[in-house]
PDB file of all heavy atoms in Angstrom:
ATOM      1  N   ARG A   1      -8.048  10.961  -9.783  1.00  0.00           N
ATOM      2  CA  ARG A   1      -8.903   9.927  -9.195  1.00  0.00           C
ATOM      3  C   ARG A   1      -8.661   9.803  -7.695  1.00  0.00           C
ATOM      4  O   ARG A   1      -9.602   9.606  -6.919  1.00  0.00           O
ATOM      5  CB  ARG A   1      -8.643   8.583  -9.878  1.00  0.00           C
ATOM      6  CG  ARG A   1      -9.829   7.634  -9.808  1.00  0.00           C
ATOM      7  CD  ARG A   1     -10.979   8.227 -10.575  1.00  0.00           C
ATOM      8  NE  ARG A   1     -12.231   7.510 -10.351  1.00  0.00           N
ATOM      9  CZ  ARG A   1     -13.409   8.008 -10.656  1.00  0.00           C
ATOM     10  NH1 ARG A   1     -13.507   9.223 -11.192  1.00  0.00           N
ATOM     11  NH2 ARG A   1     -14.507   7.329 -10.436  1.00  0.00           N
ATOM     12  N   ALA A   2      -7.410   9.920  -7.290  1.00  0.00           N
ATOM     13  CA  ALA A   2      -7.100   9.856  -5.859  1.00  0.00           C
ATOM     14  C   ALA A   2      -7.759  11.014  -5.117  1.00  0.00           C
ATOM     15  O   ALA A   2      -8.322  10.831  -4.023  1.00  0.00           O
ATOM     16  CB  ALA A   2      -5.587   9.870  -5.655  1.00  0.00           C
ATOM     17  N   LEU A   3      -7.695  12.212  -5.695  1.00  0.00           N
ATOM     18  CA  LEU A   3      -8.307  13.374  -5.060  1.00  0.00           C
ATOM     19  C   LEU A   3      -9.818  13.198  -4.945  1.00  0.00           C
ATOM     20  O   LEU A   3     -10.417  13.510  -3.901  1.00  0.00           O
ATOM     21  CB  LEU A   3      -7.980  14.639  -5.863  1.00  0.00           C
ATOM     22  CG  LEU A   3      -8.555  15.951  -5.309  1.00  0.00           C
ATOM     23  CD1 LEU A   3      -8.010  16.236  -3.912  1.00  0.00           C
ATOM     24  CD2 LEU A   3      -8.253  17.104  -6.249  1.00  0.00           C
ATOM     25  N   TYR A   4     -10.432  12.683  -5.996  1.00  0.00           N
ATOM     26  CA  TYR A   4     -11.876  12.429  -5.966  1.00  0.00           C
ATOM     27  C   TYR A   4     -12.225  11.467  -4.830  1.00  0.00           C
ATOM     28  O   TYR A   4     -13.188  11.679  -4.079  1.00  0.00           O
ATOM     29  CB  TYR A   4     -12.327  11.856  -7.305  1.00  0.00           C
ATOM     30  CG  TYR A   4     -13.714  11.273  -7.284  1.00  0.00           C
ATOM     31  CD1 TYR A   4     -14.844  12.093  -7.259  1.00  0.00           C
ATOM     32  CD2 TYR A   4     -13.904   9.889  -7.280  1.00  0.00           C
ATOM     33  CE1 TYR A   4     -16.124  11.552  -7.223  1.00  0.00           C
ATOM     34  CE2 TYR A   4     -15.172   9.331  -7.247  1.00  0.00           C
ATOM     35  CZ  TYR A   4     -16.286  10.168  -7.221  1.00  0.00           C
ATOM     36  OH  TYR A   4     -17.543   9.635  -7.175  1.00  0.00           O
ATOM     37  N   MET A   5     -11.449  10.404  -4.681  1.00  0.00           N
ATOM     38  CA  MET A   5     -11.730   9.416  -3.643  1.00  0.00           C
ATOM     39  C   MET A   5     -11.515   9.986  -2.252  1.00  0.00           C
ATOM     40  O   MET A   5     -12.206   9.613  -1.297  1.00  0.00           O
ATOM     41  CB  MET A   5     -10.844   8.182  -3.841  1.00  0.00           C
ATOM     42  CG  MET A   5     -11.119   7.412  -5.118  1.00  0.00           C
ATOM     43  SD  MET A   5     -12.794   6.740  -5.227  1.00  0.00           S
ATOM     44  CE  MET A   5     -12.769   5.536  -3.905  1.00  0.00           C
ATOM     45  N   MET A   6     -10.572  10.891  -2.111  1.00  0.00           N
ATOM     46  CA  MET A   6     -10.287  11.469  -0.792  1.00  0.00           C
ATOM     47  C   MET A   6     -11.285  12.546  -0.393  1.00  0.00           C
ATOM     48  O   MET A   6     -11.533  12.762   0.803  1.00  0.00           O
ATOM     49  CB  MET A   6      -8.861  12.042  -0.771  1.00  0.00           C
ATOM     50  CG  MET A   6      -7.781  10.976  -0.752  1.00  0.00           C
ATOM     51  SD  MET A   6      -6.117  11.647  -0.533  1.00  0.00           S
ATOM     52  CE  MET A   6      -5.807  12.334  -2.164  1.00  0.00           C
ATOM     53  N   THR A   7     -11.867  13.222  -1.369  1.00  0.00           N
ATOM     54  CA  THR A   7     -12.705  14.378  -1.036  1.00  0.00           C
ATOM     55  C   THR A   7     -14.192  14.182  -1.323  1.00  0.00           C
ATOM     56  O   THR A   7     -15.030  14.902  -0.763  1.00  0.00           O
ATOM     57  CB  THR A   7     -12.221  15.611  -1.813  1.00  0.00           C
ATOM     58  OG1 THR A   7     -12.291  15.336  -3.227  1.00  0.00           O
ATOM     59  CG2 THR A   7     -10.790  15.974  -1.428  1.00  0.00           C
ATOM     60  N   GLN A   8     -14.540  13.217  -2.180  1.00  0.00           N
ATOM     61  CA  GLN A   8     -15.954  13.024  -2.523  1.00  0.00           C
ATOM     62  C   GLN A   8     -16.437  11.597  -2.263  1.00  0.00           C
ATOM     63  O   GLN A   8     -17.473  11.400  -1.628  1.00  0.00           O
ATOM     64  CB  GLN A   8     -16.190  13.400  -3.997  1.00  0.00           C
ATOM     65  CG  GLN A   8     -15.900  14.875  -4.290  1.00  0.00           C
ATOM     66  CD  GLN A   8     -16.220  15.236  -5.723  1.00  0.00           C
ATOM     67  OE1 GLN A   8     -17.334  15.016  -6.199  1.00  0.00           O
ATOM     68  NE2 GLN A   8     -15.236  15.799  -6.435  1.00  0.00           N
ATOM     69  N   CYS A   9     -15.673  10.622  -2.712  1.00  0.00           N
ATOM     70  CA  CYS A   9     -16.079   9.225  -2.524  1.00  0.00           C
ATOM     71  C   CYS A   9     -15.244   8.617  -1.396  1.00  0.00           C
ATOM     72  O   CYS A   9     -14.494   7.679  -1.580  1.00  0.00           O
ATOM     73  CB  CYS A   9     -15.879   8.459  -3.826  1.00  0.00           C
ATOM     74  SG  CYS A   9     -16.518   6.774  -3.802  1.00  0.00           S
ATOM     75  N   TYR A  10     -15.371   9.177  -0.207  1.00  0.00           N
ATOM     76  CA  TYR A  10     -14.449   8.880   0.889  1.00  0.00           C
ATOM     77  C   TYR A  10     -14.955   7.835   1.883  1.00  0.00           C
ATOM     78  O   TYR A  10     -14.372   7.628   2.949  1.00  0.00           O
ATOM     79  CB  TYR A  10     -14.107  10.161   1.654  1.00  0.00           C
ATOM     80  CG  TYR A  10     -15.315  10.965   2.072  1.00  0.00           C
ATOM     81  CD1 TYR A  10     -16.038  10.644   3.222  1.00  0.00           C
ATOM     82  CD2 TYR A  10     -15.744  12.040   1.297  1.00  0.00           C
ATOM     83  CE1 TYR A  10     -17.153  11.383   3.589  1.00  0.00           C
ATOM     84  CE2 TYR A  10     -16.866  12.778   1.658  1.00  0.00           C
ATOM     85  CZ  TYR A  10     -17.559  12.449   2.798  1.00  0.00           C
ATOM     86  OH  TYR A  10     -18.672  13.170   3.157  1.00  0.00           O
ATOM     87  N   GLY A  11     -16.036   7.144   1.554  1.00  0.00           N
ATOM     88  CA  GLY A  11     -16.552   6.130   2.458  1.00  0.00           C
ATOM     89  C   GLY A  11     -15.619   4.940   2.602  1.00  0.00           C
ATOM     90  O   GLY A  11     -14.764   4.680   1.743  1.00  0.00           O
ATOM     91  N   ASN A  12     -15.767   4.215   3.719  1.00  0.00           N
ATOM     92  CA  ASN A  12     -15.021   2.975   3.927  1.00  0.00           C
ATOM     93  C   ASN A  12     -15.641   1.900   3.030  1.00  0.00           C
ATOM     94  O   ASN A  12     -16.842   1.659   3.097  1.00  0.00           O
ATOM     95  CB  ASN A  12     -15.115   2.562   5.402  1.00  0.00           C
ATOM     96  CG  ASN A  12     -14.226   1.377   5.724  1.00  0.00           C
ATOM     97  OD1 ASN A  12     -14.114   0.426   4.974  1.00  0.00           O
ATOM     98  ND2 ASN A  12     -13.596   1.434   6.892  1.00  0.00           N
ATOM     99  N   PRO A  13     -14.845   1.251   2.166  1.00  0.00           N
ATOM    100  CA  PRO A  13     -15.423   0.257   1.256  1.00  0.00           C
ATOM    101  C   PRO A  13     -16.153  -0.889   1.958  1.00  0.00           C
ATOM    102  O   PRO A  13     -16.938  -1.599   1.323  1.00  0.00           O
ATOM    103  CB  PRO A  13     -14.199  -0.265   0.486  1.00  0.00           C
ATOM    104  CG  PRO A  13     -13.211   0.836   0.555  1.00  0.00           C
ATOM    105  CD  PRO A  13     -13.410   1.452   1.915  1.00  0.00           C
ATOM    106  N   SER A  14     -15.899  -1.068   3.248  1.00  0.00           N
ATOM    107  CA  SER A  14     -16.583  -2.134   3.989  1.00  0.00           C
ATOM    108  C   SER A  14     -17.883  -1.663   4.634  1.00  0.00           C
ATOM    109  O   SER A  14     -18.640  -2.486   5.162  1.00  0.00           O
ATOM    110  CB  SER A  14     -15.650  -2.691   5.079  1.00  0.00           C
ATOM    111  OG  SER A  14     -14.512  -3.301   4.503  1.00  0.00           O
ATOM    112  N   SER A  15     -18.135  -0.360   4.618  1.00  0.00           N
ATOM    113  CA  SER A  15     -19.369   0.165   5.208  1.00  0.00           C
ATOM    114  C   SER A  15     -20.566  -0.209   4.343  1.00  0.00           C
ATOM    115  O   SER A  15     -20.470  -0.284   3.114  1.00  0.00           O
ATOM    116  CB  SER A  15     -19.286   1.686   5.355  1.00  0.00           C
ATOM    117  OG  SER A  15     -18.270   2.042   6.276  1.00  0.00           O
ATOM    118  N   LEU A  16     -21.715  -0.406   4.995  1.00  0.00           N
ATOM    119  CA  LEU A  16     -22.902  -0.871   4.284  1.00  0.00           C
ATOM    120  C   LEU A  16     -23.756   0.251   3.703  1.00  0.00           C
ATOM    121  O   LEU A  16     -24.662  -0.018   2.928  1.00  0.00           O
ATOM    122  CB  LEU A  16     -23.764  -1.724   5.234  1.00  0.00           C
ATOM    123  CG  LEU A  16     -23.090  -2.986   5.768  1.00  0.00           C
ATOM    124  CD1 LEU A  16     -24.048  -3.738   6.692  1.00  0.00           C
ATOM    125  CD2 LEU A  16     -22.629  -3.889   4.631  1.00  0.00           C
ATOM    126  N   HIS A  17     -23.468   1.513   4.080  1.00  0.00           N
ATOM    127  CA  HIS A  17     -24.265   2.609   3.543  1.00  0.00           C
ATOM    128  C   HIS A  17     -23.834   2.946   2.113  1.00  0.00           C
ATOM    129  O   HIS A  17     -22.873   2.374   1.574  1.00  0.00           O
ATOM    130  CB  HIS A  17     -24.181   3.843   4.450  1.00  0.00           C
ATOM    131  CG  HIS A  17     -22.785   4.250   4.815  1.00  0.00           C
ATOM    132  ND1 HIS A  17     -21.858   4.655   3.890  1.00  0.00           N
ATOM    133  CD2 HIS A  17     -22.170   4.305   6.020  1.00  0.00           C
ATOM    134  CE1 HIS A  17     -20.725   4.963   4.494  1.00  0.00           C
ATOM    135  NE2 HIS A  17     -20.888   4.747   5.800  1.00  0.00           N
ATOM    136  N   SER A  18     -24.550   3.866   1.503  1.00  0.00           N
ATOM    137  CA  SER A  18     -24.355   4.143   0.076  1.00  0.00           C
ATOM    138  C   SER A  18     -22.973   4.692  -0.238  1.00  0.00           C
ATOM    139  O   SER A  18     -22.390   4.377  -1.287  1.00  0.00           O
ATOM    140  CB  SER A  18     -25.428   5.124  -0.426  1.00  0.00           C
ATOM    141  OG  SER A  18     -25.374   6.337   0.308  1.00  0.00           O
ATOM    142  N   LEU A  19     -22.423   5.508   0.659  1.00  0.00           N
ATOM    143  CA  LEU A  19     -21.089   6.064   0.396  1.00  0.00           C
ATOM    144  C   LEU A  19     -20.034   4.956   0.442  1.00  0.00           C
ATOM    145  O   LEU A  19     -19.081   4.954  -0.346  1.00  0.00           O
ATOM    146  CB  LEU A  19     -20.764   7.160   1.409  1.00  0.00           C
ATOM    147  CG  LEU A  19     -19.634   8.135   1.038  1.00  0.00           C
ATOM    148  CD1 LEU A  19     -19.909   8.809  -0.304  1.00  0.00           C
ATOM    149  CD2 LEU A  19     -19.444   9.177   2.123  1.00  0.00           C
ATOM    150  N   GLY A  20     -20.205   4.013   1.369  1.00  0.00           N
ATOM    151  CA  GLY A  20     -19.296   2.869   1.412  1.00  0.00           C
ATOM    152  C   GLY A  20     -19.451   1.990   0.187  1.00  0.00           C
ATOM    153  O   GLY A  20     -18.458   1.499  -0.376  1.00  0.00           O
ATOM    154  N   ALA A  21     -20.694   1.782  -0.250  1.00  0.00           N
ATOM    155  CA  ALA A  21     -20.934   0.954  -1.434  1.00  0.00           C
ATOM    156  C   ALA A  21     -20.323   1.578  -2.683  1.00  0.00           C
ATOM    157  O   ALA A  21     -19.782   0.878  -3.552  1.00  0.00           O
ATOM    158  CB  ALA A  21     -22.435   0.755  -1.622  1.00  0.00           C
ATOM    159  N   GLU A  22     -20.389   2.913  -2.762  1.00  0.00           N
ATOM    160  CA  GLU A  22     -19.790   3.599  -3.916  1.00  0.00           C
ATOM    161  C   GLU A  22     -18.272   3.426  -3.907  1.00  0.00           C
ATOM    162  O   GLU A  22     -17.656   3.184  -4.955  1.00  0.00           O
ATOM    163  CB  GLU A  22     -20.148   5.085  -3.893  1.00  0.00           C
ATOM    164  CG  GLU A  22     -19.660   5.836  -5.120  1.00  0.00           C
ATOM    165  CD  GLU A  22     -20.004   7.321  -5.076  1.00  0.00           C
ATOM    166  OE1 GLU A  22     -20.723   7.749  -4.153  1.00  0.00           O
ATOM    167  OE2 GLU A  22     -19.539   8.043  -5.987  1.00  0.00           O
ATOM    168  N   ALA A  23     -17.658   3.544  -2.732  1.00  0.00           N
ATOM    169  CA  ALA A  23     -16.208   3.345  -2.624  1.00  0.00           C
ATOM    170  C   ALA A  23     -15.830   1.916  -3.007  1.00  0.00           C
ATOM    171  O   ALA A  23     -14.817   1.690  -3.685  1.00  0.00           O
ATOM    172  CB  ALA A  23     -15.737   3.654  -1.207  1.00  0.00           C
ATOM    173  N   PHE A  24     -16.646   0.957  -2.598  1.00  0.00           N
ATOM    174  CA  PHE A  24     -16.380  -0.439  -2.939  1.00  0.00           C
ATOM    175  C   PHE A  24     -16.461  -0.656  -4.449  1.00  0.00           C
ATOM    176  O   PHE A  24     -15.637  -1.371  -5.029  1.00  0.00           O
ATOM    177  CB  PHE A  24     -17.384  -1.352  -2.220  1.00  0.00           C
ATOM    178  CG  PHE A  24     -17.177  -2.807  -2.513  1.00  0.00           C
ATOM    179  CD1 PHE A  24     -16.163  -3.516  -1.880  1.00  0.00           C
ATOM    180  CD2 PHE A  24     -17.971  -3.464  -3.447  1.00  0.00           C
ATOM    181  CE1 PHE A  24     -15.968  -4.873  -2.160  1.00  0.00           C
ATOM    182  CE2 PHE A  24     -17.778  -4.808  -3.726  1.00  0.00           C
ATOM    183  CZ  PHE A  24     -16.773  -5.515  -3.080  1.00  0.00           C
ATOM    184  N   ARG A  25     -17.428  -0.031  -5.102  1.00  0.00           N
ATOM    185  CA  ARG A  25     -17.548  -0.157  -6.559  1.00  0.00           C
ATOM    186  C   ARG A  25     -16.317   0.414  -7.255  1.00  0.00           C
ATOM    187  O   ARG A  25     -15.822  -0.159  -8.238  1.00  0.00           O
ATOM    188  CB  ARG A  25     -18.820   0.545  -7.050  1.00  0.00           C
ATOM    189  CG  ARG A  25     -20.103  -0.239  -6.771  1.00  0.00           C
ATOM    190  CD  ARG A  25     -21.270   0.342  -7.549  1.00  0.00           C
ATOM    191  NE  ARG A  25     -21.602   1.702  -7.117  1.00  0.00           N
ATOM    192  CZ  ARG A  25     -22.447   1.989  -6.133  1.00  0.00           C
ATOM    193  NH1 ARG A  25     -23.054   1.011  -5.467  1.00  0.00           N
ATOM    194  NH2 ARG A  25     -22.711   3.249  -5.816  1.00  0.00           N
ATOM    195  N   GLU A  26     -15.822   1.538  -6.750  1.00  0.00           N
ATOM    196  CA  GLU A  26     -14.610   2.126  -7.330  1.00  0.00           C
ATOM    197  C   GLU A  26     -13.424   1.182  -7.164  1.00  0.00           C
ATOM    198  O   GLU A  26     -12.604   1.019  -8.078  1.00  0.00           O
ATOM    199  CB  GLU A  26     -14.304   3.467  -6.647  1.00  0.00           C
ATOM    200  CG  GLU A  26     -15.267   4.584  -6.993  1.00  0.00           C
ATOM    201  CD  GLU A  26     -14.996   5.177  -8.359  1.00  0.00           C
ATOM    202  OE1 GLU A  26     -13.942   4.869  -8.959  1.00  0.00           O
ATOM    203  OE2 GLU A  26     -15.834   5.968  -8.840  1.00  0.00           O
ATOM    204  N   LEU A  27     -13.341   0.559  -6.001  1.00  0.00           N
ATOM    205  CA  LEU A  27     -12.255  -0.373  -5.726  1.00  0.00           C
ATOM    206  C   LEU A  27     -12.299  -1.540  -6.717  1.00  0.00           C
ATOM    207  O   LEU A  27     -11.267  -1.931  -7.284  1.00  0.00           O
ATOM    208  CB  LEU A  27     -12.385  -0.865  -4.285  1.00  0.00           C
ATOM    209  CG  LEU A  27     -11.282  -1.755  -3.697  1.00  0.00           C
ATOM    210  CD1 LEU A  27     -11.220  -1.574  -2.177  1.00  0.00           C
ATOM    211  CD2 LEU A  27     -11.516  -3.216  -4.022  1.00  0.00           C
ATOM    212  N   GLU A  28     -13.476  -2.082  -6.949  1.00  0.00           N
ATOM    213  CA  GLU A  28     -13.605  -3.224  -7.854  1.00  0.00           C
ATOM    214  C   GLU A  28     -13.387  -2.828  -9.313  1.00  0.00           C
ATOM    215  O   GLU A  28     -12.871  -3.622 -10.122  1.00  0.00           O
ATOM    216  CB  GLU A  28     -14.960  -3.889  -7.663  1.00  0.00           C
ATOM    217  CG  GLU A  28     -15.116  -4.563  -6.305  1.00  0.00           C
ATOM    218  CD  GLU A  28     -13.980  -5.528  -6.007  1.00  0.00           C
ATOM    219  OE1 GLU A  28     -13.785  -6.483  -6.782  1.00  0.00           O
ATOM    220  OE2 GLU A  28     -13.253  -5.307  -5.010  1.00  0.00           O
ATOM    221  N   THR A  29     -13.765  -1.598  -9.674  1.00  0.00           N
ATOM    222  CA  THR A  29     -13.471  -1.103 -11.027  1.00  0.00           C
ATOM    223  C   THR A  29     -11.963  -1.058 -11.253  1.00  0.00           C
ATOM    224  O   THR A  29     -11.457  -1.453 -12.319  1.00  0.00           O
ATOM    225  CB  THR A  29     -14.077   0.296 -11.220  1.00  0.00           C
ATOM    226  OG1 THR A  29     -15.497   0.210 -11.139  1.00  0.00           O
ATOM    227  CG2 THR A  29     -13.684   0.883 -12.575  1.00  0.00           C
ATOM    228  N   SER A  30     -11.240  -0.596 -10.247  1.00  0.00           N
ATOM    229  CA  SER A  30      -9.782  -0.538 -10.352  1.00  0.00           C
ATOM    230  C   SER A  30      -9.167  -1.929 -10.370  1.00  0.00           C
ATOM    231  O   SER A  30      -8.180  -2.171 -11.072  1.00  0.00           O
ATOM    232  CB  SER A  30      -9.215   0.269  -9.181  1.00  0.00           C
ATOM    233  OG  SER A  30      -9.640   1.615  -9.253  1.00  0.00           O
ATOM    234  N   ARG A  31      -9.736  -2.851  -9.608  1.00  0.00           N
ATOM    235  CA  ARG A  31      -9.230  -4.227  -9.616  1.00  0.00           C
ATOM    236  C   ARG A  31      -9.321  -4.808 -11.034  1.00  0.00           C
ATOM    237  O   ARG A  31      -8.419  -5.489 -11.504  1.00  0.00           O
ATOM    238  CB  ARG A  31     -10.017  -5.083  -8.628  1.00  0.00           C
ATOM    239  CG  ARG A  31      -9.326  -6.438  -8.324  1.00  0.00           C
ATOM    240  CD  ARG A  31     -10.194  -7.325  -7.449  1.00  0.00           C
ATOM    241  NE  ARG A  31     -10.633  -6.684  -6.239  1.00  0.00           N
ATOM    242  CZ  ARG A  31      -9.924  -6.593  -5.118  1.00  0.00           C
ATOM    243  NH1 ARG A  31      -8.712  -7.117  -5.072  1.00  0.00           N
ATOM    244  NH2 ARG A  31     -10.418  -5.982  -4.056  1.00  0.00           N
ATOM    245  N   ARG A  32     -10.428  -4.541 -11.705  1.00  0.00           N
ATOM    246  CA  ARG A  32     -10.584  -5.038 -13.076  1.00  0.00           C
ATOM    247  C   ARG A  32      -9.559  -4.409 -14.007  1.00  0.00           C
ATOM    248  O   ARG A  32      -9.003  -5.091 -14.889  1.00  0.00           O
ATOM    249  CB  ARG A  32     -12.010  -4.763 -13.582  1.00  0.00           C
ATOM    250  CG  ARG A  32     -13.077  -5.632 -12.918  1.00  0.00           C
ATOM    251  CD  ARG A  32     -14.412  -5.529 -13.646  1.00  0.00           C
ATOM    252  NE  ARG A  32     -15.011  -4.189 -13.515  1.00  0.00           N
ATOM    253  CZ  ARG A  32     -15.798  -3.815 -12.527  1.00  0.00           C
ATOM    254  NH1 ARG A  32     -16.095  -4.673 -11.544  1.00  0.00           N
ATOM    255  NH2 ARG A  32     -16.319  -2.600 -12.498  1.00  0.00           N
ATOM    256  N   ALA A  33      -9.293  -3.121 -13.825  1.00  0.00           N
ATOM    257  CA  ALA A  33      -8.343  -2.424 -14.702  1.00  0.00           C
ATOM    258  C   ALA A  33      -6.928  -2.967 -14.534  1.00  0.00           C
ATOM    259  O   ALA A  33      -6.212  -3.204 -15.522  1.00  0.00           O
ATOM    260  CB  ALA A  33      -8.373  -0.923 -14.415  1.00  0.00           C
ATOM    261  N   VAL A  34      -6.506  -3.163 -13.292  1.00  0.00           N
ATOM    262  CA  VAL A  34      -5.151  -3.673 -13.045  1.00  0.00           C
ATOM    263  C   VAL A  34      -5.051  -5.128 -13.478  1.00  0.00           C
ATOM    264  O   VAL A  34      -4.030  -5.552 -14.031  1.00  0.00           O
ATOM    265  CB  VAL A  34      -4.769  -3.499 -11.561  1.00  0.00           C
ATOM    266  CG1 VAL A  34      -3.381  -4.088 -11.291  1.00  0.00           C
ATOM    267  CG2 VAL A  34      -4.790  -2.017 -11.164  1.00  0.00           C
ATOM    268  N   ALA A  35      -6.107  -5.891 -13.246  1.00  0.00           N
ATOM    269  CA  ALA A  35      -6.104  -7.296 -13.682  1.00  0.00           C
ATOM    270  C   ALA A  35      -5.957  -7.396 -15.197  1.00  0.00           C
ATOM    271  O   ALA A  35      -5.221  -8.257 -15.708  1.00  0.00           O
ATOM    272  CB  ALA A  35      -7.378  -7.994 -13.213  1.00  0.00           C
ATOM    273  N   ARG A  36      -6.639  -6.516 -15.935  1.00  0.00           N
ATOM    274  CA  ARG A  36      -6.515  -6.519 -17.406  1.00  0.00           C
ATOM    275  C   ARG A  36      -5.073  -6.261 -17.819  1.00  0.00           C
ATOM    276  O   ARG A  36      -4.593  -6.810 -18.821  1.00  0.00           O
ATOM    277  CB  ARG A  36      -7.431  -5.455 -18.024  1.00  0.00           C
ATOM    278  CG  ARG A  36      -8.883  -5.862 -18.145  1.00  0.00           C
ATOM    279  CD  ARG A  36      -9.634  -4.936 -19.094  1.00  0.00           C
ATOM    280  NE  ARG A  36      -9.628  -3.554 -18.633  1.00  0.00           N
ATOM    281  CZ  ARG A  36     -10.535  -3.034 -17.815  1.00  0.00           C
ATOM    282  NH1 ARG A  36     -11.526  -3.784 -17.342  1.00  0.00           N
ATOM    283  NH2 ARG A  36     -10.472  -1.755 -17.456  1.00  0.00           N
ATOM    284  N   LEU A  37      -4.398  -5.427 -17.058  1.00  0.00           N
ATOM    285  CA  LEU A  37      -3.018  -5.057 -17.378  1.00  0.00           C
ATOM    286  C   LEU A  37      -2.095  -6.271 -17.401  1.00  0.00           C
ATOM    287  O   LEU A  37      -1.127  -6.303 -18.168  1.00  0.00           O
ATOM    288  CB  LEU A  37      -2.520  -4.039 -16.346  1.00  0.00           C
ATOM    289  CG  LEU A  37      -1.200  -3.336 -16.621  1.00  0.00           C
ATOM    290  CD1 LEU A  37      -1.366  -2.333 -17.739  1.00  0.00           C
ATOM    291  CD2 LEU A  37      -0.711  -2.637 -15.362  1.00  0.00           C
ATOM    292  N   ILE A  38      -2.383  -7.264 -16.572  1.00  0.00           N
ATOM    293  CA  ILE A  38      -1.513  -8.436 -16.483  1.00  0.00           C
ATOM    294  C   ILE A  38      -2.199  -9.703 -16.991  1.00  0.00           C
ATOM    295  O   ILE A  38      -1.695 -10.806 -16.793  1.00  0.00           O
ATOM    296  CB  ILE A  38      -1.015  -8.642 -15.036  1.00  0.00           C
ATOM    297  CG1 ILE A  38      -2.186  -8.811 -14.073  1.00  0.00           C
ATOM    298  CG2 ILE A  38      -0.114  -7.496 -14.615  1.00  0.00           C
ATOM    299  CD1 ILE A  38      -1.771  -9.186 -12.654  1.00  0.00           C
ATOM    300  N   GLY A  39      -3.351  -9.542 -17.640  1.00  0.00           N
ATOM    301  CA  GLY A  39      -4.031 -10.692 -18.205  1.00  0.00           C
ATOM    302  C   GLY A  39      -4.547 -11.659 -17.169  1.00  0.00           C
ATOM    303  O   GLY A  39      -4.429 -12.881 -17.336  1.00  0.00           O
ATOM    304  N   ALA A  40      -5.125 -11.129 -16.082  1.00  0.00           N
ATOM    305  CA  ALA A  40      -5.642 -11.962 -15.001  1.00  0.00           C
ATOM    306  C   ALA A  40      -7.128 -11.701 -14.788  1.00  0.00           C
ATOM    307  O   ALA A  40      -7.685 -10.726 -15.293  1.00  0.00           O
ATOM    308  CB  ALA A  40      -4.867 -11.664 -13.710  1.00  0.00           C
ATOM    309  N   ARG A  41      -7.777 -12.567 -14.024  1.00  0.00           N
ATOM    310  CA  ARG A  41      -9.153 -12.333 -13.602  1.00  0.00           C
ATOM    311  C   ARG A  41      -9.134 -11.399 -12.391  1.00  0.00           C
ATOM    312  O   ARG A  41      -8.223 -11.471 -11.566  1.00  0.00           O
ATOM    313  CB  ARG A  41      -9.825 -13.651 -13.218  1.00  0.00           C
ATOM    314  CG  ARG A  41      -9.848 -14.703 -14.309  1.00  0.00           C
ATOM    315  CD  ARG A  41     -10.527 -15.967 -13.791  1.00  0.00           C
ATOM    316  NE  ARG A  41     -10.523 -17.043 -14.777  1.00  0.00           N
ATOM    317  CZ  ARG A  41      -9.579 -17.974 -14.871  1.00  0.00           C
ATOM    318  NH1 ARG A  41      -8.546 -17.939 -14.023  1.00  0.00           N
ATOM    319  NH2 ARG A  41      -9.650 -18.913 -15.787  1.00  0.00           N
TER     320      ARG A  41
END
């Protein structure tokens, strides 16, 4: 997943274009996964 983010989904999550939006979605997907791990929102 790290390699994918570095080589394909490499946009800045704060950028407004589509590559940035895709990176932001990945970031939020991971936030949900880690939050589930500790029983948090």
